[in-house]
Amino acid sequence: MLLVALGIGILAVLVSALLGPKKASRTKLMAYESGNDPEGGGVGIGQRFPVHFYLVAMLFIVFDIETAFFYPLAVAYQRLPEFAFFEAITFVLLLLVGYYYVLKKKVLEWS
């Protein structure tokens, strides 16, 4: 199965390299901003976003994944073995450590 997955990935990269457009132009290399010309001059020059926005986005992904992990646990809770409860507690404690780190670094403060 691993070989099939690797083969599909390599095949996709090779096919896109062979069949994809080869001619680069200024228009094709410009950043896409909803059909508007990019602000700030040339290619790659513009306003940079603070790292804060990326950290908040990563936090959203982490807590979204947490919800995805807990939903099956809640659905099948009555049929699960006892150690599943302790695994869930360990998972929550690990997330609380991460949440404490986020609060300590003041990622959620917008000022």
PDB file of N, CA and C in Angstrom:
ATOM      1  N   MET A   1       0.833  -1.184   0.000  1.00  0.00           N
ATOM      2  CA  MET A   1       0.000   0.000   0.000  1.00  0.00           C
ATOM      3  C   MET A   1       0.880   1.251   0.000  1.00  0.00           C
ATOM      4  N   LEU A   2       1.980   1.192   0.762  1.00  0.00           N
ATOM      5  CA  LEU A   2       2.899   2.325   0.791  1.00  0.00           C
ATOM      6  C   LEU A   2       3.497   2.571  -0.581  1.00  0.00           C
ATOM      7  N   LEU A   3       3.860   1.509  -1.278  1.00  0.00           N
ATOM      8  CA  LEU A   3       4.430   1.656  -2.623  1.00  0.00           C
ATOM      9  C   LEU A   3       3.413   2.238  -3.596  1.00  0.00           C
ATOM     10  N   VAL A   4       2.169   1.840  -3.478  1.00  0.00           N
ATOM     11  CA  VAL A   4       1.120   2.385  -4.341  1.00  0.00           C
ATOM     12  C   VAL A   4       0.943   3.883  -4.066  1.00  0.00           C
ATOM     13  N   ALA A   5       0.913   4.257  -2.794  1.00  0.00           N
ATOM     14  CA  ALA A   5       0.760   5.667  -2.435  1.00  0.00           C
ATOM     15  C   ALA A   5       1.941   6.492  -2.943  1.00  0.00           C
ATOM     16  N   LEU A   6       3.158   5.987  -2.753  1.00  0.00           N
ATOM     17  CA  LEU A   6       4.334   6.692  -3.265  1.00  0.00           C
ATOM     18  C   LEU A   6       4.303   6.775  -4.792  1.00  0.00           C
ATOM     19  N   GLY A   7       3.896   5.705  -5.439  1.00  0.00           N
ATOM     20  CA  GLY A   7       3.806   5.701  -6.895  1.00  0.00           C
ATOM     21  C   GLY A   7       2.818   6.725  -7.416  1.00  0.00           C
ATOM     22  N   ILE A   8       1.665   6.836  -6.768  1.00  0.00           N
ATOM     23  CA  ILE A   8       0.663   7.817  -7.176  1.00  0.00           C
ATOM     24  C   ILE A   8       1.201   9.231  -6.980  1.00  0.00           C
ATOM     25  N   GLY A   9       1.859   9.473  -5.871  1.00  0.00           N
ATOM     26  CA  GLY A   9       2.425  10.802  -5.621  1.00  0.00           C
ATOM     27  C   GLY A   9       3.490  11.173  -6.635  1.00  0.00           C
ATOM     28  N   ILE A  10       4.394  10.249  -6.903  1.00  0.00           N
ATOM     29  CA  ILE A  10       5.464  10.509  -7.874  1.00  0.00           C
ATOM     30  C   ILE A  10       4.878  10.672  -9.267  1.00  0.00           C
ATOM     31  N   LEU A  11       3.904   9.851  -9.612  1.00  0.00           N
ATOM     32  CA  LEU A  11       3.261   9.958 -10.915  1.00  0.00           C
ATOM     33  C   LEU A  11       2.562  11.312 -11.082  1.00  0.00           C
ATOM     34  N   ALA A  12       1.896  11.778 -10.048  1.00  0.00           N
ATOM     35  CA  ALA A  12       1.211  13.068 -10.117  1.00  0.00           C
ATOM     36  C   ALA A  12       2.204  14.208 -10.348  1.00  0.00           C
ATOM     37  N   VAL A  13       3.333  14.173  -9.662  1.00  0.00           N
ATOM     38  CA  VAL A  13       4.349  15.217  -9.833  1.00  0.00           C
ATOM     39  C   VAL A  13       4.939  15.164 -11.238  1.00  0.00           C
ATOM     40  N   LEU A  14       5.235  13.965 -11.721  1.00  0.00           N
ATOM     41  CA  LEU A  14       5.823  13.836 -13.064  1.00  0.00           C
ATOM     42  C   LEU A  14       4.854  14.276 -14.153  1.00  0.00           C
ATOM     43  N   VAL A  15       3.597  13.872 -14.052  1.00  0.00           N
ATOM     44  CA  VAL A  15       2.612  14.251 -15.059  1.00  0.00           C
ATOM     45  C   VAL A  15       2.402  15.760 -15.072  1.00  0.00           C
ATOM     46  N   SER A  16       2.323  16.377 -13.898  1.00  0.00           N
ATOM     47  CA  SER A  16       2.140  17.830 -13.865  1.00  0.00           C
ATOM     48  C   SER A  16       3.365  18.554 -14.410  1.00  0.00           C
ATOM     49  N   ALA A  17       4.560  18.010 -14.187  1.00  0.00           N
ATOM     50  CA  ALA A  17       5.770  18.629 -14.729  1.00  0.00           C
ATOM     51  C   ALA A  17       5.819  18.492 -16.250  1.00  0.00           C
ATOM     52  N   LEU A  18       5.347  17.361 -16.763  1.00  0.00           N
ATOM     53  CA  LEU A  18       5.366  17.151 -18.214  1.00  0.00           C
ATOM     54  C   LEU A  18       4.261  17.915 -18.937  1.00  0.00           C
ATOM     55  N   LEU A  19       3.075  17.936 -18.374  1.00  0.00           N
ATOM     56  CA  LEU A  19       1.925  18.536 -19.049  1.00  0.00           C
ATOM     57  C   LEU A  19       1.643  19.972 -18.640  1.00  0.00           C
ATOM     58  N   GLY A  20       2.264  20.433 -17.576  1.00  0.00           N
ATOM     59  CA  GLY A  20       1.988  21.773 -17.072  1.00  0.00           C
ATOM     60  C   GLY A  20       2.600  22.858 -17.933  1.00  0.00           C
ATOM     61  N   PRO A  21       2.139  24.120 -17.751  1.00  0.00           N
ATOM     62  CA  PRO A  21       2.685  25.233 -18.526  1.00  0.00           C
ATOM     63  C   PRO A  21       4.150  25.482 -18.184  1.00  0.00           C
ATOM     64  N   LYS A  22       4.913  25.817 -19.199  1.00  0.00           N
ATOM     65  CA  LYS A  22       6.353  25.999 -19.009  1.00  0.00           C
ATOM     66  C   LYS A  22       6.787  27.461 -19.112  1.00  0.00           C
ATOM     67  N   LYS A  23       5.982  28.289 -19.713  1.00  0.00           N
ATOM     68  CA  LYS A  23       6.379  29.656 -20.005  1.00  0.00           C
ATOM     69  C   LYS A  23       5.988  30.580 -18.851  1.00  0.00           C
ATOM     70  N   ALA A  24       6.961  31.089 -18.137  1.00  0.00           N
ATOM     71  CA  ALA A  24       6.688  32.008 -17.028  1.00  0.00           C
ATOM     72  C   ALA A  24       6.670  33.440 -17.554  1.00  0.00           C
ATOM     73  N   SER A  25       5.731  34.207 -17.051  1.00  0.00           N
ATOM     74  CA  SER A  25       5.670  35.624 -17.398  1.00  0.00           C
ATOM     75  C   SER A  25       5.433  36.425 -16.123  1.00  0.00           C
ATOM     76  N   ARG A  26       5.543  37.726 -16.235  1.00  0.00           N
ATOM     77  CA  ARG A  26       5.350  38.583 -15.057  1.00  0.00           C
ATOM     78  C   ARG A  26       3.948  38.397 -14.486  1.00  0.00           C
ATOM     79  N   THR A  27       2.970  38.284 -15.355  1.00  0.00           N
ATOM     80  CA  THR A  27       1.591  38.123 -14.898  1.00  0.00           C
ATOM     81  C   THR A  27       1.409  36.798 -14.165  1.00  0.00           C
ATOM     82  N   LYS A  28       2.006  35.733 -14.673  1.00  0.00           N
ATOM     83  CA  LYS A  28       1.855  34.422 -14.038  1.00  0.00           C
ATOM     84  C   LYS A  28       2.596  34.333 -12.712  1.00  0.00           C
ATOM     85  N   LEU A  29       3.668  35.104 -12.558  1.00  0.00           N
ATOM     86  CA  LEU A  29       4.454  35.052 -11.328  1.00  0.00           C
ATOM     87  C   LEU A  29       3.941  35.986 -10.239  1.00  0.00           C
ATOM     88  N   MET A  30       2.995  36.875 -10.580  1.00  0.00           N
ATOM     89  CA  MET A  30       2.453  37.808  -9.583  1.00  0.00           C
ATOM     90  C   MET A  30       1.567  37.067  -8.579  1.00  0.00           C
ATOM     91  N   ALA A  31       1.530  37.585  -7.369  1.00  0.00           N
ATOM     92  CA  ALA A  31       0.645  37.030  -6.350  1.00  0.00           C
ATOM     93  C   ALA A  31      -0.802  37.327  -6.728  1.00  0.00           C
ATOM     94  N   TYR A  32      -1.692  36.378  -6.462  1.00  0.00           N
ATOM     95  CA  TYR A  32      -3.105  36.553  -6.784  1.00  0.00           C
ATOM     96  C   TYR A  32      -3.813  37.182  -5.595  1.00  0.00           C
ATOM     97  N   GLU A  33      -4.455  38.319  -5.836  1.00  0.00           N
ATOM     98  CA  GLU A  33      -5.191  39.006  -4.772  1.00  0.00           C
ATOM     99  C   GLU A  33      -6.596  39.313  -5.243  1.00  0.00           C
ATOM    100  N   SER A  34      -7.381  38.294  -5.468  1.00  0.00           N
ATOM    101  CA  SER A  34      -8.788  38.419  -5.852  1.00  0.00           C
ATOM    102  C   SER A  34      -8.975  39.257  -7.113  1.00  0.00           C
ATOM    103  N   GLY A  35      -8.106  39.118  -8.066  1.00  0.00           N
ATOM    104  CA  GLY A  35      -8.245  39.828  -9.330  1.00  0.00           C
ATOM    105  C   GLY A  35      -7.684  41.240  -9.323  1.00  0.00           C
ATOM    106  N   ASN A  36      -7.242  41.706  -8.179  1.00  0.00           N
ATOM    107  CA  ASN A  36      -6.663  43.044  -8.095  1.00  0.00           C
ATOM    108  C   ASN A  36      -5.152  42.960  -8.226  1.00  0.00           C
ATOM    109  N   ASP A  37      -4.548  44.056  -8.662  1.00  0.00           N
ATOM    110  CA  ASP A  37      -3.093  44.093  -8.696  1.00  0.00           C
ATOM    111  C   ASP A  37      -2.561  44.099  -7.269  1.00  0.00           C
ATOM    112  N   PRO A  38      -1.479  43.366  -7.020  1.00  0.00           N
ATOM    113  CA  PRO A  38      -0.914  43.339  -5.675  1.00  0.00           C
ATOM    114  C   PRO A  38      -0.432  44.719  -5.245  1.00  0.00           C
ATOM    115  N   GLU A  39      -0.624  45.011  -3.979  1.00  0.00           N
ATOM    116  CA  GLU A  39      -0.162  46.284  -3.437  1.00  0.00           C
ATOM    117  C   GLU A  39       1.297  46.176  -3.049  1.00  0.00           C
ATOM    118  N   GLY A  40       2.012  47.261  -3.163  1.00  0.00           N
ATOM    119  CA  GLY A  40       3.379  47.301  -2.668  1.00  0.00           C
ATOM    120  C   GLY A  40       4.438  47.147  -3.725  1.00  0.00           C
ATOM    121  N   GLY A  41       4.091  47.236  -4.988  1.00  0.00           N
ATOM    122  CA  GLY A  41       5.133  47.235  -6.005  1.00  0.00           C
ATOM    123  C   GLY A  41       5.275  45.917  -6.719  1.00  0.00           C
ATOM    124  N   GLY A  42       6.509  45.432  -6.780  1.00  0.00           N
ATOM    125  CA  GLY A  42       6.865  44.278  -7.613  1.00  0.00           C
ATOM    126  C   GLY A  42       6.478  42.950  -7.013  1.00  0.00           C
ATOM    127  N   VAL A  43       6.970  41.925  -7.658  1.00  0.00           N
ATOM    128  CA  VAL A  43       6.671  40.557  -7.246  1.00  0.00           C
ATOM    129  C   VAL A  43       7.317  40.274  -5.893  1.00  0.00           C
ATOM    130  N   GLY A  44       6.517  39.773  -4.972  1.00  0.00           N
ATOM    131  CA  GLY A  44       7.056  39.406  -3.668  1.00  0.00           C
ATOM    132  C   GLY A  44       7.209  40.566  -2.709  1.00  0.00           C
ATOM    133  N   ILE A  45       6.914  41.779  -3.168  1.00  0.00           N
ATOM    134  CA  ILE A  45       7.048  42.939  -2.285  1.00  0.00           C
ATOM    135  C   ILE A  45       5.654  43.374  -1.891  1.00  0.00           C
ATOM    136  N   GLY A  46       5.400  43.428  -0.637  1.00  0.00           N
ATOM    137  CA  GLY A  46       4.085  43.830  -0.159  1.00  0.00           C
ATOM    138  C   GLY A  46       4.058  43.805   1.346  1.00  0.00           C
ATOM    139  N   GLN A  47       2.883  43.997   1.878  1.00  0.00           N
ATOM    140  CA  GLN A  47       2.728  44.018   3.322  1.00  0.00           C
ATOM    141  C   GLN A  47       2.823  42.595   3.859  1.00  0.00           C
ATOM    142  N   ARG A  48       3.620  42.412   4.867  1.00  0.00           N
ATOM    143  CA  ARG A  48       3.750  41.090   5.485  1.00  0.00           C
ATOM    144  C   ARG A  48       2.782  40.985   6.646  1.00  0.00           C
ATOM    145  N   PHE A  49       2.222  39.801   6.819  1.00  0.00           N
ATOM    146  CA  PHE A  49       1.339  39.560   7.942  1.00  0.00           C
ATOM    147  C   PHE A  49       2.175  39.209   9.163  1.00  0.00           C
ATOM    148  N   PRO A  50       1.765  39.701  10.319  1.00  0.00           N
ATOM    149  CA  PRO A  50       2.479  39.301  11.542  1.00  0.00           C
ATOM    150  C   PRO A  50       2.312  37.803  11.801  1.00  0.00           C
ATOM    151  N   VAL A  51       3.246  37.230  12.507  1.00  0.00           N
ATOM    152  CA  VAL A  51       3.216  35.809  12.824  1.00  0.00           C
ATOM    153  C   VAL A  51       1.990  35.472  13.671  1.00  0.00           C
ATOM    154  N   HIS A  52       1.472  36.454  14.360  1.00  0.00           N
ATOM    155  CA  HIS A  52       0.315  36.259  15.236  1.00  0.00           C
ATOM    156  C   HIS A  52      -0.857  35.616  14.485  1.00  0.00           C
ATOM    157  N   PHE A  53      -1.110  36.045  13.256  1.00  0.00           N
ATOM    158  CA  PHE A  53      -2.226  35.495  12.481  1.00  0.00           C
ATOM    159  C   PHE A  53      -2.012  34.014  12.191  1.00  0.00           C
ATOM    160  N   TYR A  54      -0.789  33.627  11.910  1.00  0.00           N
ATOM    161  CA  TYR A  54      -0.498  32.227  11.634  1.00  0.00           C
ATOM    162  C   TYR A  54      -0.643  31.379  12.899  1.00  0.00           C
ATOM    163  N   LEU A  55      -0.251  31.922  14.034  1.00  0.00           N
ATOM    164  CA  LEU A  55      -0.392  31.181  15.288  1.00  0.00           C
ATOM    165  C   LEU A  55      -1.857  30.947  15.622  1.00  0.00           C
ATOM    166  N   VAL A  56      -2.684  31.959  15.418  1.00  0.00           N
ATOM    167  CA  VAL A  56      -4.114  31.793  15.678  1.00  0.00           C
ATOM    168  C   VAL A  56      -4.705  30.758  14.722  1.00  0.00           C
ATOM    169  N   ALA A  57      -4.268  30.765  13.473  1.00  0.00           N
ATOM    170  CA  ALA A  57      -4.757  29.774  12.507  1.00  0.00           C
ATOM    171  C   ALA A  57      -4.344  28.366  12.934  1.00  0.00           C
ATOM    172  N   MET A  58      -3.128  28.204  13.406  1.00  0.00           N
ATOM    173  CA  MET A  58      -2.681  26.887  13.860  1.00  0.00           C
ATOM    174  C   MET A  58      -3.458  26.445  15.090  1.00  0.00           C
ATOM    175  N   LEU A  59      -3.777  27.382  15.983  1.00  0.00           N
ATOM    176  CA  LEU A  59      -4.587  27.033  17.154  1.00  0.00           C
ATOM    177  C   LEU A  59      -5.968  26.551  16.738  1.00  0.00           C
ATOM    178  N   PHE A  60      -6.547  27.224  15.762  1.00  0.00           N
ATOM    179  CA  PHE A  60      -7.849  26.789  15.265  1.00  0.00           C
ATOM    180  C   PHE A  60      -7.774  25.358  14.750  1.00  0.00           C
ATOM    181  N   ILE A  61      -6.731  25.055  13.997  1.00  0.00           N
ATOM    182  CA  ILE A  61      -6.588  23.704  13.444  1.00  0.00           C
ATOM    183  C   ILE A  61      -6.432  22.676  14.563  1.00  0.00           C
ATOM    184  N   VAL A  62      -5.638  23.001  15.571  1.00  0.00           N
ATOM    185  CA  VAL A  62      -5.430  22.063  16.685  1.00  0.00           C
ATOM    186  C   VAL A  62      -6.743  21.769  17.394  1.00  0.00           C
ATOM    187  N   PHE A  63      -7.525  22.809  17.699  1.00  0.00           N
ATOM    188  CA  PHE A  63      -8.767  22.577  18.434  1.00  0.00           C
ATOM    189  C   PHE A  63      -9.846  21.979  17.534  1.00  0.00           C
ATOM    190  N   ASP A  64      -9.755  22.203  16.241  1.00  0.00           N
ATOM    191  CA  ASP A  64     -10.668  21.561  15.312  1.00  0.00           C
ATOM    192  C   ASP A  64     -10.379  20.063  15.251  1.00  0.00           C
ATOM    193  N   ILE A  65      -9.117  19.707  15.226  1.00  0.00           N
ATOM    194  CA  ILE A  65      -8.730  18.290  15.220  1.00  0.00           C
ATOM    195  C   ILE A  65      -9.125  17.632  16.539  1.00  0.00           C
ATOM    196  N   GLU A  66      -9.024  18.377  17.620  1.00  0.00           N
ATOM    197  CA  GLU A  66      -9.450  17.835  18.916  1.00  0.00           C
ATOM    198  C   GLU A  66     -10.920  17.435  18.860  1.00  0.00           C
ATOM    199  N   THR A  67     -11.743  18.277  18.271  1.00  0.00           N
ATOM    200  CA  THR A  67     -13.159  17.965  18.141  1.00  0.00           C
ATOM    201  C   THR A  67     -13.359  16.725  17.279  1.00  0.00           C
ATOM    202  N   ALA A  68     -12.586  16.622  16.218  1.00  0.00           N
ATOM    203  CA  ALA A  68     -12.706  15.460  15.339  1.00  0.00           C
ATOM    204  C   ALA A  68     -12.301  14.177  16.054  1.00  0.00           C
ATOM    205  N   PHE A  69     -11.362  14.247  16.979  1.00  0.00           N
ATOM    206  CA  PHE A  69     -10.950  13.060  17.726  1.00  0.00           C
ATOM    207  C   PHE A  69     -11.956  12.689  18.812  1.00  0.00           C
ATOM    208  N   PHE A  70     -12.594  13.677  19.402  1.00  0.00           N
ATOM    209  CA  PHE A  70     -13.510  13.387  20.499  1.00  0.00           C
ATOM    210  C   PHE A  70     -14.889  12.942  20.044  1.00  0.00           C
ATOM    211  N   TYR A  71     -15.286  13.290  18.843  1.00  0.00           N
ATOM    212  CA  TYR A  71     -16.619  12.911  18.377  1.00  0.00           C
ATOM    213  C   TYR A  71     -16.804  11.388  18.331  1.00  0.00           C
ATOM    214  N   PRO A  72     -15.897  10.628  17.712  1.00  0.00           N
ATOM    215  CA  PRO A  72     -16.077   9.165  17.730  1.00  0.00           C
ATOM    216  C   PRO A  72     -16.007   8.586  19.143  1.00  0.00           C
ATOM    217  N   LEU A  73     -15.201   9.189  19.993  1.00  0.00           N
ATOM    218  CA  LEU A  73     -15.108   8.710  21.367  1.00  0.00           C
ATOM    219  C   LEU A  73     -16.446   8.882  22.081  1.00  0.00           C
ATOM    220  N   ALA A  74     -17.090  10.008  21.858  1.00  0.00           N
ATOM    221  CA  ALA A  74     -18.381  10.255  22.506  1.00  0.00           C
ATOM    222  C   ALA A  74     -19.470   9.331  21.962  1.00  0.00           C
ATOM    223  N   VAL A  75     -19.412   9.047  20.678  1.00  0.00           N
ATOM    224  CA  VAL A  75     -20.434   8.189  20.069  1.00  0.00           C
ATOM    225  C   VAL A  75     -20.322   6.754  20.578  1.00  0.00           C
ATOM    226  N   ALA A  76     -19.104   6.258  20.699  1.00  0.00           N
ATOM    227  CA  ALA A  76     -18.895   4.851  21.073  1.00  0.00           C
ATOM    228  C   ALA A  76     -18.444   4.696  22.521  1.00  0.00           C
ATOM    229  N   TYR A  77     -18.736   5.659  23.365  1.00  0.00           N
ATOM    230  CA  TYR A  77     -18.206   5.647  24.727  1.00  0.00           C
ATOM    231  C   TYR A  77     -18.660   4.416  25.520  1.00  0.00           C
ATOM    232  N   GLN A  78     -19.893   4.009  25.402  1.00  0.00           N
ATOM    233  CA  GLN A  78     -20.409   2.880  26.186  1.00  0.00           C
ATOM    234  C   GLN A  78     -19.765   1.554  25.795  1.00  0.00           C
ATOM    235  N   ARG A  79     -19.316   1.428  24.547  1.00  0.00           N
ATOM    236  CA  ARG A  79     -18.753   0.157  24.070  1.00  0.00           C
ATOM    237  C   ARG A  79     -17.234   0.109  24.172  1.00  0.00           C
ATOM    238  N   LEU A  80     -16.594   1.184  24.575  1.00  0.00           N
ATOM    239  CA  LEU A  80     -15.128   1.221  24.612  1.00  0.00           C
ATOM    240  C   LEU A  80     -14.601   0.600  25.896  1.00  0.00           C
ATOM    241  N   PRO A  81     -13.387   0.066  25.838  1.00  0.00           N
ATOM    242  CA  PRO A  81     -12.777  -0.459  27.067  1.00  0.00           C
ATOM    243  C   PRO A  81     -12.441   0.683  28.025  1.00  0.00           C
ATOM    244  N   GLU A  82     -12.150   0.304  29.245  1.00  0.00           N
ATOM    245  CA  GLU A  82     -11.907   1.290  30.291  1.00  0.00           C
ATOM    246  C   GLU A  82     -10.697   2.185  30.005  1.00  0.00           C
ATOM    247  N   PHE A  83      -9.668   1.658  29.376  1.00  0.00           N
ATOM    248  CA  PHE A  83      -8.468   2.459  29.158  1.00  0.00           C
ATOM    249  C   PHE A  83      -8.707   3.608  28.177  1.00  0.00           C
ATOM    250  N   ALA A  84      -9.787   3.548  27.394  1.00  0.00           N
ATOM    251  CA  ALA A  84     -10.098   4.645  26.474  1.00  0.00           C
ATOM    252  C   ALA A  84     -10.382   5.930  27.247  1.00  0.00           C
ATOM    253  N   PHE A  85     -10.991   5.789  28.414  1.00  0.00           N
ATOM    254  CA  PHE A  85     -11.242   6.968  29.259  1.00  0.00           C
ATOM    255  C   PHE A  85      -9.928   7.608  29.677  1.00  0.00           C
ATOM    256  N   PHE A  86      -8.966   6.789  30.082  1.00  0.00           N
ATOM    257  CA  PHE A  86      -7.675   7.331  30.515  1.00  0.00           C
ATOM    258  C   PHE A  86      -6.883   7.907  29.344  1.00  0.00           C
ATOM    259  N   GLU A  87      -7.051   7.330  28.166  1.00  0.00           N
ATOM    260  CA  GLU A  87      -6.426   7.912  26.975  1.00  0.00           C
ATOM    261  C   GLU A  87      -7.023   9.279  26.666  1.00  0.00           C
ATOM    262  N   ALA A  88      -8.335   9.409  26.823  1.00  0.00           N
ATOM    263  CA  ALA A  88      -8.992  10.694  26.587  1.00  0.00           C
ATOM    264  C   ALA A  88      -8.524  11.730  27.609  1.00  0.00           C
ATOM    265  N   ILE A  89      -8.389  11.326  28.860  1.00  0.00           N
ATOM    266  CA  ILE A  89      -7.896  12.241  29.897  1.00  0.00           C
ATOM    267  C   ILE A  89      -6.465  12.683  29.578  1.00  0.00           C
ATOM    268  N   THR A  90      -5.624  11.755  29.129  1.00  0.00           N
ATOM    269  CA  THR A  90      -4.250  12.090  28.754  1.00  0.00           C
ATOM    270  C   THR A  90      -4.244  13.084  27.595  1.00  0.00           C
ATOM    271  N   PHE A  91      -5.117  12.873  26.628  1.00  0.00           N
ATOM    272  CA  PHE A  91      -5.218  13.776  25.490  1.00  0.00           C
ATOM    273  C   PHE A  91      -5.641  15.174  25.932  1.00  0.00           C
ATOM    274  N   VAL A  92      -6.620  15.250  26.821  1.00  0.00           N
ATOM    275  CA  VAL A  92      -7.081  16.555  27.322  1.00  0.00           C
ATOM    276  C   VAL A  92      -5.969  17.240  28.115  1.00  0.00           C
ATOM    277  N   LEU A  93      -5.247  16.492  28.920  1.00  0.00           N
ATOM    278  CA  LEU A  93      -4.145  17.091  29.685  1.00  0.00           C
ATOM    279  C   LEU A  93      -3.052  17.624  28.764  1.00  0.00           C
ATOM    280  N   LEU A  94      -2.758  16.904  27.703  1.00  0.00           N
ATOM    281  CA  LEU A  94      -1.780  17.370  26.733  1.00  0.00           C
ATOM    282  C   LEU A  94      -2.256  18.661  26.059  1.00  0.00           C
ATOM    283  N   LEU A  95      -3.531  18.729  25.735  1.00  0.00           N
ATOM    284  CA  LEU A  95      -4.073  19.946  25.142  1.00  0.00           C
ATOM    285  C   LEU A  95      -4.062  21.107  26.139  1.00  0.00           C
ATOM    286  N   LEU A  96      -4.305  20.815  27.407  1.00  0.00           N
ATOM    287  CA  LEU A  96      -4.251  21.871  28.417  1.00  0.00           C
ATOM    288  C   LEU A  96      -2.835  22.413  28.581  1.00  0.00           C
ATOM    289  N   VAL A  97      -1.826  21.560  28.454  1.00  0.00           N
ATOM    290  CA  VAL A  97      -0.441  22.033  28.491  1.00  0.00           C
ATOM    291  C   VAL A  97      -0.187  22.982  27.316  1.00  0.00           C
ATOM    292  N   GLY A  98      -0.677  22.604  26.136  1.00  0.00           N
ATOM    293  CA  GLY A  98      -0.539  23.468  24.965  1.00  0.00           C
ATOM    294  C   GLY A  98      -1.296  24.772  25.142  1.00  0.00           C
ATOM    295  N   TYR A  99      -2.487  24.708  25.731  1.00  0.00           N
ATOM    296  CA  TYR A  99      -3.283  25.915  25.969  1.00  0.00           C
ATOM    297  C   TYR A  99      -2.580  26.832  26.970  1.00  0.00           C
ATOM    298  N   TYR A 100      -1.982  26.257  27.992  1.00  0.00           N
ATOM    299  CA  TYR A 100      -1.220  27.051  28.964  1.00  0.00           C
ATOM    300  C   TYR A 100      -0.043  27.747  28.267  1.00  0.00           C
ATOM    301  N   TYR A 101       0.626  27.041  27.373  1.00  0.00           N
ATOM    302  CA  TYR A 101       1.737  27.623  26.630  1.00  0.00           C
ATOM    303  C   TYR A 101       1.254  28.799  25.776  1.00  0.00           C
ATOM    304  N   VAL A 102       0.090  28.624  25.145  1.00  0.00           N
ATOM    305  CA  VAL A 102      -0.476  29.692  24.314  1.00  0.00           C
ATOM    306  C   VAL A 102      -0.795  30.906  25.172  1.00  0.00           C
ATOM    307  N   LEU A 103      -1.381  30.681  26.328  1.00  0.00           N
ATOM    308  CA  LEU A 103      -1.693  31.806  27.216  1.00  0.00           C
ATOM    309  C   LEU A 103      -0.424  32.484  27.726  1.00  0.00           C
ATOM    310  N   LYS A 104       0.599  31.699  28.010  1.00  0.00           N
ATOM    311  CA  LYS A 104       1.867  32.250  28.505  1.00  0.00           C
ATOM    312  C   LYS A 104       2.530  33.109  27.428  1.00  0.00           C
ATOM    313  N   LYS A 105       2.447  32.686  26.168  1.00  0.00           N
ATOM    314  CA  LYS A 105       3.051  33.435  25.057  1.00  0.00           C
ATOM    315  C   LYS A 105       2.162  34.591  24.602  1.00  0.00           C
ATOM    316  N   LYS A 106       0.968  34.707  25.173  1.00  0.00           N
ATOM    317  CA  LYS A 106      -0.004  35.784  24.870  1.00  0.00           C
ATOM    318  C   LYS A 106      -0.390  35.817  23.400  1.00  0.00           C
ATOM    319  N   VAL A 107      -0.603  34.642  22.836  1.00  0.00           N
ATOM    320  CA  VAL A 107      -0.995  34.558  21.433  1.00  0.00           C
ATOM    321  C   VAL A 107      -2.414  35.065  21.215  1.00  0.00           C
ATOM    322  N   LEU A 108      -3.278  34.860  22.195  1.00  0.00           N
ATOM    323  CA  LEU A 108      -4.685  35.237  22.035  1.00  0.00           C
ATOM    324  C   LEU A 108      -4.967  36.697  22.385  1.00  0.00           C
ATOM    325  N   GLU A 109      -3.959  37.448  22.745  1.00  0.00           N
ATOM    326  CA  GLU A 109      -4.145  38.883  23.019  1.00  0.00           C
ATOM    327  C   GLU A 109      -3.956  39.652  21.730  1.00  0.00           C
ATOM    328  N   TRP A 110      -4.910  40.529  21.405  1.00  0.00           N
ATOM    329  CA  TRP A 110      -4.899  41.242  20.129  1.00  0.00           C
ATOM    330  C   TRP A 110      -4.372  42.652  20.246  1.00  0.00           C
ATOM    331  N   SER A 111      -3.868  43.047  21.379  1.00  0.00           N
ATOM    332  CA  SER A 111      -3.388  44.426  21.514  1.00  0.00           C
ATOM    333  C   SER A 111      -1.910  44.559  21.263  1.00  0.00           C
TER     334      SER A 111
END
